[in-house]
């Protein structure tokens, strides 16, 4: 049965009773909203961190330093 095409899924979904189609539509829309909310939250976090770097409130740490510190922790 899998993989199912979007077209086939749509045909199957349309064959569901009205109430079931409504539940399916709500679930699909909610999944899109969740992803959009996560995307907005990440964008806000990125903007906040960029502003902190630009203002000098925090300093960036070179990757080499980060990896060296991790190596020290793992070797201990």
PDB file of N, CA and C in Angstrom:
ATOM      1  N   UNK A   1       0.823  -1.195   0.000  1.00  0.00           N
ATOM      2  CA  UNK A   1       0.000   0.000   0.000  1.00  0.00           C
ATOM      3  C   UNK A   1       0.865   1.255   0.000  1.00  0.00           C
ATOM      4  N   UNK A   2       2.021   1.226   0.657  1.00  0.00           N
ATOM      5  CA  UNK A   2       2.890   2.399   0.718  1.00  0.00           C
ATOM      6  C   UNK A   2       3.996   2.276  -0.286  1.00  0.00           C
ATOM      7  N   UNK A   3       4.559   3.236  -0.883  1.00  0.00           N
ATOM      8  CA  UNK A   3       4.213   4.632  -0.620  1.00  0.00           C
ATOM      9  C   UNK A   3       2.919   5.014  -1.339  1.00  0.00           C
ATOM     10  N   UNK A   4       2.135   5.832  -0.687  1.00  0.00           N
ATOM     11  CA  UNK A   4       0.872   6.295  -1.260  1.00  0.00           C
ATOM     12  C   UNK A   4       1.095   7.689  -1.835  1.00  0.00           C
ATOM     13  N   UNK A   5       0.515   7.944  -2.966  1.00  0.00           N
ATOM     14  CA  UNK A   5       0.668   9.261  -3.574  1.00  0.00           C
ATOM     15  C   UNK A   5      -0.293  10.241  -2.909  1.00  0.00           C
ATOM     16  N   UNK A   6       0.028  11.517  -3.062  1.00  0.00           N
ATOM     17  CA  UNK A   6      -0.859  12.534  -2.522  1.00  0.00           C
ATOM     18  C   UNK A   6      -2.227  12.435  -3.170  1.00  0.00           C
ATOM     19  N   UNK A   7      -2.243  12.164  -4.462  1.00  0.00           N
ATOM     20  CA  UNK A   7      -3.514  12.058  -5.185  1.00  0.00           C
ATOM     21  C   UNK A   7      -4.365  10.922  -4.630  1.00  0.00           C
ATOM     22  N   UNK A   8      -3.714   9.774  -4.390  1.00  0.00           N
ATOM     23  CA  UNK A   8      -4.447   8.620  -3.854  1.00  0.00           C
ATOM     24  C   UNK A   8      -4.940   8.912  -2.441  1.00  0.00           C
ATOM     25  N   UNK A   9      -4.116   9.559  -1.655  1.00  0.00           N
ATOM     26  CA  UNK A   9      -4.500   9.922  -0.291  1.00  0.00           C
ATOM     27  C   UNK A   9      -5.715  10.848  -0.302  1.00  0.00           C
ATOM     28  N   UNK A  10      -5.705  11.787  -1.240  1.00  0.00           N
ATOM     29  CA  UNK A  10      -6.838  12.710  -1.345  1.00  0.00           C
ATOM     30  C   UNK A  10      -8.123  11.959  -1.704  1.00  0.00           C
ATOM     31  N   UNK A  11      -8.031  11.024  -2.637  1.00  0.00           N
ATOM     32  CA  UNK A  11      -9.205  10.228  -3.024  1.00  0.00           C
ATOM     33  C   UNK A  11      -9.733   9.465  -1.812  1.00  0.00           C
ATOM     34  N   UNK A  12      -8.801   8.834  -1.085  1.00  0.00           N
ATOM     35  CA  UNK A  12      -9.211   8.068   0.105  1.00  0.00           C
ATOM     36  C   UNK A  12      -9.832   8.988   1.158  1.00  0.00           C
ATOM     37  N   UNK A  13      -9.220  10.140   1.374  1.00  0.00           N
ATOM     38  CA  UNK A  13      -9.735  11.071   2.387  1.00  0.00           C
ATOM     39  C   UNK A  13     -11.127  11.562   2.014  1.00  0.00           C
ATOM     40  N   UNK A  14     -11.348  11.821   0.745  1.00  0.00           N
ATOM     41  CA  UNK A  14     -12.665  12.298   0.303  1.00  0.00           C
ATOM     42  C   UNK A  14     -13.746  11.228   0.482  1.00  0.00           C
ATOM     43  N   UNK A  15     -13.341   9.984   0.570  1.00  0.00           N
ATOM     44  CA  UNK A  15     -14.328   8.919   0.746  1.00  0.00           C
ATOM     45  C   UNK A  15     -14.760   8.762   2.207  1.00  0.00           C
ATOM     46  N   UNK A  16     -14.060   9.449   3.112  1.00  0.00           N
ATOM     47  CA  UNK A  16     -14.419   9.380   4.531  1.00  0.00           C
ATOM     48  C   UNK A  16     -15.710  10.144   4.794  1.00  0.00           C
ATOM     49  N   UNK A  17     -16.431   9.759   5.850  1.00  0.00           N
ATOM     50  CA  UNK A  17     -17.606  10.536   6.238  1.00  0.00           C
ATOM     51  C   UNK A  17     -17.193  11.979   6.570  1.00  0.00           C
ATOM     52  N   UNK A  18     -18.125  12.888   6.433  1.00  0.00           N
ATOM     53  CA  UNK A  18     -17.867  14.310   6.627  1.00  0.00           C
ATOM     54  C   UNK A  18     -17.154  14.597   7.946  1.00  0.00           C
ATOM     55  N   UNK A  19     -17.612  14.017   9.033  1.00  0.00           N
ATOM     56  CA  UNK A  19     -17.016  14.269  10.357  1.00  0.00           C
ATOM     57  C   UNK A  19     -15.565  13.799  10.407  1.00  0.00           C
ATOM     58  N   UNK A  20     -15.289  12.657   9.809  1.00  0.00           N
ATOM     59  CA  UNK A  20     -13.917  12.145   9.779  1.00  0.00           C
ATOM     60  C   UNK A  20     -13.018  13.026   8.911  1.00  0.00           C
ATOM     61  N   UNK A  21     -13.564  13.521   7.789  1.00  0.00           N
ATOM     62  CA  UNK A  21     -12.783  14.437   6.946  1.00  0.00           C
ATOM     63  C   UNK A  21     -12.453  15.707   7.715  1.00  0.00           C
ATOM     64  N   UNK A  22     -13.416  16.193   8.493  1.00  0.00           N
ATOM     65  CA  UNK A  22     -13.187  17.406   9.281  1.00  0.00           C
ATOM     66  C   UNK A  22     -12.090  17.165  10.317  1.00  0.00           C
ATOM     67  N   UNK A  23     -12.116  16.013  10.982  1.00  0.00           N
ATOM     68  CA  UNK A  23     -11.072  15.689  11.962  1.00  0.00           C
ATOM     69  C   UNK A  23      -9.702  15.596  11.298  1.00  0.00           C
ATOM     70  N   UNK A  24      -9.665  14.966  10.143  1.00  0.00           N
ATOM     71  CA  UNK A  24      -8.411  14.839   9.403  1.00  0.00           C
ATOM     72  C   UNK A  24      -7.897  16.217   8.993  1.00  0.00           C
ATOM     73  N   UNK A  25      -8.780  17.052   8.490  1.00  0.00           N
ATOM     74  CA  UNK A  25      -8.381  18.405   8.079  1.00  0.00           C
ATOM     75  C   UNK A  25      -7.849  19.198   9.268  1.00  0.00           C
ATOM     76  N   UNK A  26      -8.515  19.106  10.402  1.00  0.00           N
ATOM     77  CA  UNK A  26      -8.056  19.801  11.608  1.00  0.00           C
ATOM     78  C   UNK A  26      -6.669  19.318  12.024  1.00  0.00           C
ATOM     79  N   UNK A  27      -6.468  18.010  11.973  1.00  0.00           N
ATOM     80  CA  UNK A  27      -5.172  17.453  12.365  1.00  0.00           C
ATOM     81  C   UNK A  27      -4.064  17.911  11.412  1.00  0.00           C
ATOM     82  N   UNK A  28      -4.356  17.925  10.116  1.00  0.00           N
ATOM     83  CA  UNK A  28      -3.360  18.368   9.148  1.00  0.00           C
ATOM     84  C   UNK A  28      -3.047  19.850   9.311  1.00  0.00           C
ATOM     85  N   UNK A  29      -4.064  20.668   9.507  1.00  0.00           N
ATOM     86  CA  UNK A  29      -3.835  22.101   9.719  1.00  0.00           C
ATOM     87  C   UNK A  29      -3.052  22.352  11.001  1.00  0.00           C
ATOM     88  N   UNK A  30      -3.369  21.611  12.040  1.00  0.00           N
ATOM     89  CA  UNK A  30      -2.644  21.769  13.305  1.00  0.00           C
ATOM     90  C   UNK A  30      -1.175  21.424  13.130  1.00  0.00           C
ATOM     91  N   UNK A  31      -0.887  20.407  12.319  1.00  0.00           N
ATOM     92  CA  UNK A  31       0.509  20.034  12.111  1.00  0.00           C
ATOM     93  C   UNK A  31       1.258  21.149  11.388  1.00  0.00           C
ATOM     94  N   UNK A  32       0.593  21.856  10.489  1.00  0.00           N
ATOM     95  CA  UNK A  32       1.230  22.983   9.804  1.00  0.00           C
ATOM     96  C   UNK A  32       1.454  24.140  10.767  1.00  0.00           C
ATOM     97  N   UNK A  33       0.490  24.390  11.620  1.00  0.00           N
ATOM     98  CA  UNK A  33       0.610  25.482  12.588  1.00  0.00           C
ATOM     99  C   UNK A  33       1.738  25.204  13.573  1.00  0.00           C
ATOM    100  N   UNK A  34       1.877  23.943  14.009  1.00  0.00           N
ATOM    101  CA  UNK A  34       2.955  23.593  14.932  1.00  0.00           C
ATOM    102  C   UNK A  34       4.306  23.867  14.299  1.00  0.00           C
ATOM    103  N   UNK A  35       4.471  23.476  13.048  1.00  0.00           N
ATOM    104  CA  UNK A  35       5.733  23.708  12.354  1.00  0.00           C
ATOM    105  C   UNK A  35       5.988  25.190  12.181  1.00  0.00           C
ATOM    106  N   UNK A  36       4.948  25.948  11.868  1.00  0.00           N
ATOM    107  CA  UNK A  36       5.104  27.391  11.707  1.00  0.00           C
ATOM    108  C   UNK A  36       5.494  28.028  13.039  1.00  0.00           C
ATOM    109  N   UNK A  37       4.894  27.567  14.135  1.00  0.00           N
ATOM    110  CA  UNK A  37       5.212  28.109  15.457  1.00  0.00           C
ATOM    111  C   UNK A  37       6.656  27.800  15.835  1.00  0.00           C
ATOM    112  N   UNK A  38       7.096  26.592  15.540  1.00  0.00           N
ATOM    113  CA  UNK A  38       8.485  26.232  15.816  1.00  0.00           C
ATOM    114  C   UNK A  38       9.423  27.113  15.000  1.00  0.00           C
ATOM    115  N   UNK A  39       9.074  27.326  13.736  1.00  0.00           N
ATOM    116  CA  UNK A  39       9.872  28.193  12.884  1.00  0.00           C
ATOM    117  C   UNK A  39       9.938  29.610  13.418  1.00  0.00           C
ATOM    118  N   UNK A  40       8.800  30.126  13.901  1.00  0.00           N
ATOM    119  CA  UNK A  40       8.785  31.477  14.482  1.00  0.00           C
ATOM    120  C   UNK A  40       9.637  31.536  15.734  1.00  0.00           C
ATOM    121  N   UNK A  41       9.553  30.515  16.573  1.00  0.00           N
ATOM    122  CA  UNK A  41      10.340  30.488  17.812  1.00  0.00           C
ATOM    123  C   UNK A  41      11.829  30.469  17.504  1.00  0.00           C
ATOM    124  N   UNK A  42      12.242  29.675  16.506  1.00  0.00           N
ATOM    125  CA  UNK A  42      13.657  29.635  16.133  1.00  0.00           C
ATOM    126  C   UNK A  42      14.102  30.979  15.570  1.00  0.00           C
ATOM    127  N   UNK A  43      13.269  31.617  14.765  1.00  0.00           N
ATOM    128  CA  UNK A  43      13.606  32.920  14.194  1.00  0.00           C
ATOM    129  C   UNK A  43      13.807  33.940  15.319  1.00  0.00           C
ATOM    130  N   UNK A  44      12.928  33.927  16.317  1.00  0.00           N
ATOM    131  CA  UNK A  44      13.068  34.834  17.459  1.00  0.00           C
ATOM    132  C   UNK A  44      14.374  34.571  18.210  1.00  0.00           C
ATOM    133  N   UNK A  45      14.710  33.302  18.403  1.00  0.00           N
ATOM    134  CA  UNK A  45      15.950  32.942  19.099  1.00  0.00           C
ATOM    135  C   UNK A  45      17.167  33.391  18.295  1.00  0.00           C
ATOM    136  N   UNK A  46      17.134  33.174  17.004  1.00  0.00           N
ATOM    137  CA  UNK A  46      18.243  33.604  16.142  1.00  0.00           C
ATOM    138  C   UNK A  46      18.400  35.112  16.206  1.00  0.00           C
ATOM    139  N   UNK A  47      17.294  35.832  16.105  1.00  0.00           N
ATOM    140  CA  UNK A  47      17.352  37.292  16.161  1.00  0.00           C
ATOM    141  C   UNK A  47      17.896  37.772  17.507  1.00  0.00           C
ATOM    142  N   UNK A  48      17.468  37.136  18.597  1.00  0.00           N
ATOM    143  CA  UNK A  48      17.934  37.512  19.934  1.00  0.00           C
ATOM    144  C   UNK A  48      19.436  37.299  20.050  1.00  0.00           C
ATOM    145  N   UNK A  49      19.902  36.132  19.603  1.00  0.00           N
ATOM    146  CA  UNK A  49      21.334  35.835  19.700  1.00  0.00           C
ATOM    147  C   UNK A  49      22.159  36.764  18.819  1.00  0.00           C
ATOM    148  N   UNK A  50      21.669  37.058  17.633  1.00  0.00           N
ATOM    149  CA  UNK A  50      22.388  37.977  16.742  1.00  0.00           C
ATOM    150  C   UNK A  50      22.484  39.358  17.375  1.00  0.00           C
ATOM    151  N   UNK A  51      21.406  39.816  17.988  1.00  0.00           N
ATOM    152  CA  UNK A  51      21.410  41.121  18.642  1.00  0.00           C
ATOM    153  C   UNK A  51      22.404  41.141  19.799  1.00  0.00           C
ATOM    154  N   UNK A  52      22.482  40.051  20.573  1.00  0.00           N
ATOM    155  CA  UNK A  52      23.450  39.972  21.670  1.00  0.00           C
ATOM    156  C   UNK A  52      24.881  40.056  21.144  1.00  0.00           C
ATOM    157  N   UNK A  53      25.157  39.359  20.045  1.00  0.00           N
ATOM    158  CA  UNK A  53      26.494  39.412  19.450  1.00  0.00           C
ATOM    159  C   UNK A  53      26.808  40.815  18.944  1.00  0.00           C
ATOM    160  N   UNK A  54      25.878  41.422  18.244  1.00  0.00           N
ATOM    161  CA  UNK A  54      26.097  42.748  17.670  1.00  0.00           C
ATOM    162  C   UNK A  54      26.270  43.820  18.740  1.00  0.00           C
ATOM    163  N   UNK A  55      25.565  43.679  19.863  1.00  0.00           N
ATOM    164  CA  UNK A  55      25.651  44.681  20.929  1.00  0.00           C
ATOM    165  C   UNK A  55      26.884  44.492  21.798  1.00  0.00           C
ATOM    166  N   UNK A  56      27.523  43.347  21.674  1.00  0.00           N
ATOM    167  CA  UNK A  56      28.679  43.061  22.512  1.00  0.00           C
ATOM    168  C   UNK A  56      28.318  42.461  23.862  1.00  0.00           C
ATOM    169  N   UNK A  57      27.046  42.159  24.072  1.00  0.00           N
ATOM    170  CA  UNK A  57      26.613  41.563  25.338  1.00  0.00           C
ATOM    171  C   UNK A  57      27.228  40.180  25.531  1.00  0.00           C
ATOM    172  N   UNK A  58      27.489  39.497  24.439  1.00  0.00           N
ATOM    173  CA  UNK A  58      28.159  38.189  24.474  1.00  0.00           C
ATOM    174  C   UNK A  58      29.223  38.190  23.392  1.00  0.00           C
ATOM    175  N   UNK A  59      30.169  37.278  23.517  1.00  0.00           N
ATOM    176  CA  UNK A  59      31.176  37.161  22.468  1.00  0.00           C
ATOM    177  C   UNK A  59      31.094  35.772  21.869  1.00  0.00           C
ATOM    178  N   UNK A  60      31.389  35.702  20.612  1.00  0.00           N
ATOM    179  CA  UNK A  60      31.414  34.408  19.943  1.00  0.00           C
ATOM    180  C   UNK A  60      32.660  33.638  20.352  1.00  0.00           C
ATOM    181  N   UNK A  61      32.553  32.342  20.351  1.00  0.00           N
ATOM    182  CA  UNK A  61      33.690  31.489  20.678  1.00  0.00           C
ATOM    183  C   UNK A  61      34.073  30.742  19.406  1.00  0.00           C
ATOM    184  N   UNK A  62      35.326  30.863  18.973  1.00  0.00           N
ATOM    185  CA  UNK A  62      35.736  30.145  17.766  1.00  0.00           C
ATOM    186  C   UNK A  62      35.504  28.640  17.906  1.00  0.00           C
ATOM    187  N   UNK A  63      35.143  28.026  16.804  1.00  0.00           N
ATOM    188  CA  UNK A  63      34.844  26.594  16.804  1.00  0.00           C
ATOM    189  C   UNK A  63      36.010  25.776  17.332  1.00  0.00           C
ATOM    190  N   UNK A  64      37.231  26.189  16.998  1.00  0.00           N
ATOM    191  CA  UNK A  64      38.406  25.449  17.462  1.00  0.00           C
ATOM    192  C   UNK A  64      38.446  25.374  18.984  1.00  0.00           C
ATOM    193  N   UNK A  65      38.100  26.490  19.648  1.00  0.00           N
ATOM    194  CA  UNK A  65      38.083  26.510  21.117  1.00  0.00           C
ATOM    195  C   UNK A  65      36.994  25.595  21.666  1.00  0.00           C
ATOM    196  N   UNK A  66      35.839  25.638  21.032  1.00  0.00           N
ATOM    197  CA  UNK A  66      34.716  24.807  21.477  1.00  0.00           C
ATOM    198  C   UNK A  66      35.087  23.331  21.348  1.00  0.00           C
ATOM    199  N   UNK A  67      35.629  22.944  20.193  1.00  0.00           N
ATOM    200  CA  UNK A  67      35.982  21.544  19.976  1.00  0.00           C
ATOM    201  C   UNK A  67      37.108  21.106  20.908  1.00  0.00           C
ATOM    202  N   UNK A  68      38.051  21.989  21.174  1.00  0.00           N
ATOM    203  CA  UNK A  68      39.140  21.655  22.095  1.00  0.00           C
ATOM    204  C   UNK A  68      38.595  21.422  23.496  1.00  0.00           C
ATOM    205  N   UNK A  69      37.661  22.254  23.920  1.00  0.00           N
ATOM    206  CA  UNK A  69      37.067  22.090  25.254  1.00  0.00           C
ATOM    207  C   UNK A  69      36.280  20.783  25.321  1.00  0.00           C
ATOM    208  N   UNK A  70      35.581  20.449  24.277  1.00  0.00           N
ATOM    209  CA  UNK A  70      34.830  19.184  24.247  1.00  0.00           C
ATOM    210  C   UNK A  70      35.800  18.004  24.311  1.00  0.00           C
ATOM    211  N   UNK A  71      36.884  18.081  23.559  1.00  0.00           N
ATOM    212  CA  UNK A  71      37.873  17.015  23.566  1.00  0.00           C
ATOM    213  C   UNK A  71      38.442  16.815  24.977  1.00  0.00           C
ATOM    214  N   UNK A  72      38.715  17.920  25.672  1.00  0.00           N
ATOM    215  CA  UNK A  72      39.236  17.826  27.045  1.00  0.00           C
ATOM    216  C   UNK A  72      38.239  17.132  27.956  1.00  0.00           C
ATOM    217  N   UNK A  73      36.977  17.481  27.816  1.00  0.00           N
ATOM    218  CA  UNK A  73      35.930  16.873  28.657  1.00  0.00           C
ATOM    219  C   UNK A  73      35.825  15.376  28.366  1.00  0.00           C
ATOM    220  N   UNK A  74      35.834  15.033  27.102  1.00  0.00           N
ATOM    221  CA  UNK A  74      35.679  13.625  26.729  1.00  0.00           C
ATOM    222  C   UNK A  74      36.903  12.776  27.109  1.00  0.00           C
ATOM    223  N   UNK A  75      38.067  13.385  27.116  1.00  0.00           N
ATOM    224  CA  UNK A  75      39.283  12.649  27.457  1.00  0.00           C
ATOM    225  C   UNK A  75      39.477  12.516  28.971  1.00  0.00           C
ATOM    226  N   UNK A  76      38.752  13.304  29.735  1.00  0.00           N
ATOM    227  CA  UNK A  76      38.918  13.279  31.205  1.00  0.00           C
ATOM    228  C   UNK A  76      38.313  12.043  31.815  1.00  0.00           C
TER     229      UNK A  76
END
